[in-house]
């Protein structure tokens, strides 16, 4: 499994959500099923709305996670995706308990001090589990 920490230079939450949308668009265009894992229902709703508006001339087929969801991009909190070999875009502060469903995990980090602390702990946890996470500057 490939694990990447995409690091943003700002402290703005909106920049994290925009980056998640850009990465979901890229993954979908490449043919990958994508699960955006949010921190809570409020963030899930915000990401859902942002996916409709962040690109003026492009549509990303998406929907909030349900047991009958079929869109190639799904937005959830901590559900197990319906498919295997998917991309996880993790906006949650904790690591997913469903890593076995994914071939790629993307953690989006900004410069907010508390998030940096949590993401550093997650980076170490991935290593302790035998993964080799990579850092990517955005």
C-alpha atoms as a PDB file:
ATOM      1  CA  UNK A   1       0.000   0.000   0.000  1.00  0.00           C
ATOM      2  CA  UNK A   2       1.215   3.498  -0.845  1.00  0.00           C
ATOM      3  CA  UNK A   3       0.805   6.095   1.921  1.00  0.00           C
ATOM      4  CA  UNK A   4       1.450   9.768   1.282  1.00  0.00           C
ATOM      5  CA  UNK A   5       1.222  12.814   3.509  1.00  0.00           C
ATOM      6  CA  UNK A   6       0.409  15.809   1.322  1.00  0.00           C
ATOM      7  CA  UNK A   7       1.679  18.864   3.179  1.00  0.00           C
ATOM      8  CA  UNK A   8       0.117  22.281   2.594  1.00  0.00           C
ATOM      9  CA  UNK A   9       1.968  25.514   3.462  1.00  0.00           C
ATOM     10  CA  UNK A  10      -1.074  27.199   5.075  1.00  0.00           C
ATOM     11  CA  UNK A  11      -3.130  26.778   8.246  1.00  0.00           C
ATOM     12  CA  UNK A  12      -6.501  27.155   6.508  1.00  0.00           C
ATOM     13  CA  UNK A  13      -9.006  24.310   6.811  1.00  0.00           C
ATOM     14  CA  UNK A  14     -10.538  25.351   3.485  1.00  0.00           C
ATOM     15  CA  UNK A  15      -7.207  24.629   1.776  1.00  0.00           C
ATOM     16  CA  UNK A  16      -7.296  21.046   3.100  1.00  0.00           C
ATOM     17  CA  UNK A  17     -10.806  20.536   1.766  1.00  0.00           C
ATOM     18  CA  UNK A  18      -9.918  22.026  -1.621  1.00  0.00           C
ATOM     19  CA  UNK A  19      -6.879  19.780  -1.820  1.00  0.00           C
ATOM     20  CA  UNK A  20      -9.089  16.777  -1.031  1.00  0.00           C
ATOM     21  CA  UNK A  21     -11.418  17.744  -3.878  1.00  0.00           C
ATOM     22  CA  UNK A  22      -8.525  18.200  -6.320  1.00  0.00           C
ATOM     23  CA  UNK A  23      -7.074  14.831  -5.357  1.00  0.00           C
ATOM     24  CA  UNK A  24     -10.480  13.114  -5.598  1.00  0.00           C
ATOM     25  CA  UNK A  25     -10.912  14.611  -9.075  1.00  0.00           C
ATOM     26  CA  UNK A  26      -7.492  13.348 -10.127  1.00  0.00           C
ATOM     27  CA  UNK A  27      -8.123   9.850  -8.710  1.00  0.00           C
ATOM     28  CA  UNK A  28     -11.556   9.616 -10.342  1.00  0.00           C
ATOM     29  CA  UNK A  29     -10.164  10.755 -13.713  1.00  0.00           C
ATOM     30  CA  UNK A  30      -7.523   8.030 -13.389  1.00  0.00           C
ATOM     31  CA  UNK A  31     -10.278   5.449 -12.849  1.00  0.00           C
ATOM     32  CA  UNK A  32      -9.908   4.850  -9.113  1.00  0.00           C
ATOM     33  CA  UNK A  33     -12.760   4.444  -6.669  1.00  0.00           C
ATOM     34  CA  UNK A  34     -12.192   7.016  -3.944  1.00  0.00           C
ATOM     35  CA  UNK A  35     -13.351   7.319  -0.358  1.00  0.00           C
ATOM     36  CA  UNK A  36     -13.045  10.702   1.352  1.00  0.00           C
ATOM     37  CA  UNK A  37     -12.992  10.077   5.106  1.00  0.00           C
ATOM     38  CA  UNK A  38     -14.209  13.094   7.068  1.00  0.00           C
ATOM     39  CA  UNK A  39     -13.937  13.944  10.752  1.00  0.00           C
ATOM     40  CA  UNK A  40     -17.675  14.362  11.325  1.00  0.00           C
ATOM     41  CA  UNK A  41     -21.051  14.858   9.635  1.00  0.00           C
ATOM     42  CA  UNK A  42     -20.536  18.605   9.334  1.00  0.00           C
ATOM     43  CA  UNK A  43     -17.279  18.189   7.427  1.00  0.00           C
ATOM     44  CA  UNK A  44     -18.891  15.446   5.319  1.00  0.00           C
ATOM     45  CA  UNK A  45     -21.626  17.875   4.274  1.00  0.00           C
ATOM     46  CA  UNK A  46     -19.079  20.616   3.567  1.00  0.00           C
ATOM     47  CA  UNK A  47     -16.998  18.329   1.328  1.00  0.00           C
ATOM     48  CA  UNK A  48     -20.147  17.133  -0.459  1.00  0.00           C
ATOM     49  CA  UNK A  49     -21.119  20.732  -1.253  1.00  0.00           C
ATOM     50  CA  UNK A  50     -17.584  21.691  -2.235  1.00  0.00           C
ATOM     51  CA  UNK A  51     -17.323  18.820  -4.732  1.00  0.00           C
ATOM     52  CA  UNK A  52     -20.233  20.424  -6.618  1.00  0.00           C
ATOM     53  CA  UNK A  53     -18.610  23.845  -6.829  1.00  0.00           C
ATOM     54  CA  UNK A  54     -14.817  23.715  -6.608  1.00  0.00           C
ATOM     55  CA  UNK A  55     -14.383  23.325 -10.407  1.00  0.00           C
ATOM     56  CA  UNK A  56     -16.667  25.371 -12.604  1.00  0.00           C
ATOM     57  CA  UNK A  57     -16.406  23.241 -15.741  1.00  0.00           C
ATOM     58  CA  UNK A  58     -16.043  19.784 -14.299  1.00  0.00           C
ATOM     59  CA  UNK A  59     -18.259  17.310 -12.478  1.00  0.00           C
ATOM     60  CA  UNK A  60     -17.095  14.649 -10.061  1.00  0.00           C
ATOM     61  CA  UNK A  61     -19.676  11.876  -9.571  1.00  0.00           C
ATOM     62  CA  UNK A  62     -19.930  11.605  -5.819  1.00  0.00           C
ATOM     63  CA  UNK A  63     -22.342  10.991  -2.985  1.00  0.00           C
ATOM     64  CA  UNK A  64     -22.334  10.663   0.778  1.00  0.00           C
ATOM     65  CA  UNK A  65     -21.735   7.091   1.912  1.00  0.00           C
ATOM     66  CA  UNK A  66     -24.790   4.892   2.355  1.00  0.00           C
ATOM     67  CA  UNK A  67     -25.153   1.134   2.180  1.00  0.00           C
ATOM     68  CA  UNK A  68     -26.473   1.535  -1.374  1.00  0.00           C
ATOM     69  CA  UNK A  69     -24.076   4.233  -2.615  1.00  0.00           C
ATOM     70  CA  UNK A  70     -22.665   3.564  -6.078  1.00  0.00           C
ATOM     71  CA  UNK A  71     -20.784   6.747  -7.042  1.00  0.00           C
ATOM     72  CA  UNK A  72     -17.044   6.333  -7.707  1.00  0.00           C
ATOM     73  CA  UNK A  73     -16.305   9.030  -5.108  1.00  0.00           C
ATOM     74  CA  UNK A  74     -17.944   8.533  -1.735  1.00  0.00           C
ATOM     75  CA  UNK A  75     -17.789  10.745   1.324  1.00  0.00           C
ATOM     76  CA  UNK A  76     -18.034   9.127   4.719  1.00  0.00           C
ATOM     77  CA  UNK A  77     -16.767   9.234   8.254  1.00  0.00           C
ATOM     78  CA  UNK A  78     -15.501   5.802   9.247  1.00  0.00           C
ATOM     79  CA  UNK A  79     -17.517   3.349   7.185  1.00  0.00           C
ATOM     80  CA  UNK A  80     -16.013   0.417   5.315  1.00  0.00           C
ATOM     81  CA  UNK A  81     -16.141   1.176   1.578  1.00  0.00           C
ATOM     82  CA  UNK A  82     -18.081  -1.137  -0.709  1.00  0.00           C
ATOM     83  CA  UNK A  83     -15.039  -1.791  -2.875  1.00  0.00           C
ATOM     84  CA  UNK A  84     -11.486  -3.026  -2.505  1.00  0.00           C
ATOM     85  CA  UNK A  85      -8.355  -1.478  -4.036  1.00  0.00           C
ATOM     86  CA  UNK A  86      -9.629   2.049  -3.574  1.00  0.00           C
ATOM     87  CA  UNK A  87      -7.978   5.376  -2.758  1.00  0.00           C
ATOM     88  CA  UNK A  88      -8.530   6.832   0.710  1.00  0.00           C
ATOM     89  CA  UNK A  89      -8.314  10.582   1.198  1.00  0.00           C
ATOM     90  CA  UNK A  90      -8.189  10.929   4.959  1.00  0.00           C
ATOM     91  CA  UNK A  91      -9.340  14.213   6.500  1.00  0.00           C
ATOM     92  CA  UNK A  92      -9.991  12.549   9.844  1.00  0.00           C
ATOM     93  CA  UNK A  93      -7.359  12.999  12.544  1.00  0.00           C
ATOM     94  CA  UNK A  94      -7.195   9.264  13.222  1.00  0.00           C
ATOM     95  CA  UNK A  95      -6.038   6.499  10.926  1.00  0.00           C
ATOM     96  CA  UNK A  96      -8.712   4.426   9.225  1.00  0.00           C
ATOM     97  CA  UNK A  97      -9.477   1.025  10.698  1.00  0.00           C
ATOM     98  CA  UNK A  98     -10.253  -0.193   7.157  1.00  0.00           C
ATOM     99  CA  UNK A  99      -6.792   0.074   5.608  1.00  0.00           C
ATOM    100  CA  UNK A 100      -7.242  -3.342   4.006  1.00  0.00           C
ATOM    101  CA  UNK A 101      -9.734  -1.753   1.564  1.00  0.00           C
ATOM    102  CA  UNK A 102      -7.207   0.646   0.090  1.00  0.00           C
ATOM    103  CA  UNK A 103      -4.199   0.496  -2.195  1.00  0.00           C
ATOM    104  CA  UNK A 104      -3.371   4.128  -1.567  1.00  0.00           C
ATOM    105  CA  UNK A 105      -3.868   6.387   1.442  1.00  0.00           C
ATOM    106  CA  UNK A 106      -3.544  10.160   1.228  1.00  0.00           C
ATOM    107  CA  UNK A 107      -3.339  12.164   4.438  1.00  0.00           C
ATOM    108  CA  UNK A 108      -3.725  15.927   3.947  1.00  0.00           C
ATOM    109  CA  UNK A 109      -1.741  18.020   6.407  1.00  0.00           C
ATOM    110  CA  UNK A 110      -1.647  21.764   6.886  1.00  0.00           C
ATOM    111  CA  UNK A 111       0.398  23.889   9.283  1.00  0.00           C
ATOM    112  CA  UNK A 112      -2.210  24.029  12.052  1.00  0.00           C
ATOM    113  CA  UNK A 113      -0.215  22.994  15.164  1.00  0.00           C
ATOM    114  CA  UNK A 114      -2.665  20.408  16.548  1.00  0.00           C
ATOM    115  CA  UNK A 115      -3.103  18.753  13.144  1.00  0.00           C
ATOM    116  CA  UNK A 116       0.674  18.642  12.639  1.00  0.00           C
ATOM    117  CA  UNK A 117       1.051  16.865  15.965  1.00  0.00           C
ATOM    118  CA  UNK A 118      -1.631  14.284  15.128  1.00  0.00           C
ATOM    119  CA  UNK A 119      -0.269  13.671  11.637  1.00  0.00           C
ATOM    120  CA  UNK A 120       3.255  13.147  12.960  1.00  0.00           C
ATOM    121  CA  UNK A 121       1.847  10.502  15.318  1.00  0.00           C
ATOM    122  CA  UNK A 122      -0.011   8.868  12.418  1.00  0.00           C
ATOM    123  CA  UNK A 123       3.168   8.907  10.298  1.00  0.00           C
ATOM    124  CA  UNK A 124       4.998   7.023  13.081  1.00  0.00           C
ATOM    125  CA  UNK A 125       2.063   4.601  13.495  1.00  0.00           C
ATOM    126  CA  UNK A 126       2.108   3.749   9.779  1.00  0.00           C
ATOM    127  CA  UNK A 127       5.840   3.031  10.041  1.00  0.00           C
ATOM    128  CA  UNK A 128       5.295   0.867  13.119  1.00  0.00           C
ATOM    129  CA  UNK A 129       2.774  -1.153  11.097  1.00  0.00           C
ATOM    130  CA  UNK A 130       5.396  -1.797   8.415  1.00  0.00           C
ATOM    131  CA  UNK A 131       4.359   0.835   5.862  1.00  0.00           C
ATOM    132  CA  UNK A 132       6.703   3.402   4.346  1.00  0.00           C
ATOM    133  CA  UNK A 133       4.796   6.693   4.310  1.00  0.00           C
ATOM    134  CA  UNK A 134       6.097   9.454   2.050  1.00  0.00           C
ATOM    135  CA  UNK A 135       5.902  13.220   2.429  1.00  0.00           C
ATOM    136  CA  UNK A 136       4.705  15.281  -0.563  1.00  0.00           C
ATOM    137  CA  UNK A 137       4.899  19.081  -0.527  1.00  0.00           C
ATOM    138  CA  UNK A 138       1.963  20.863  -2.180  1.00  0.00           C
END
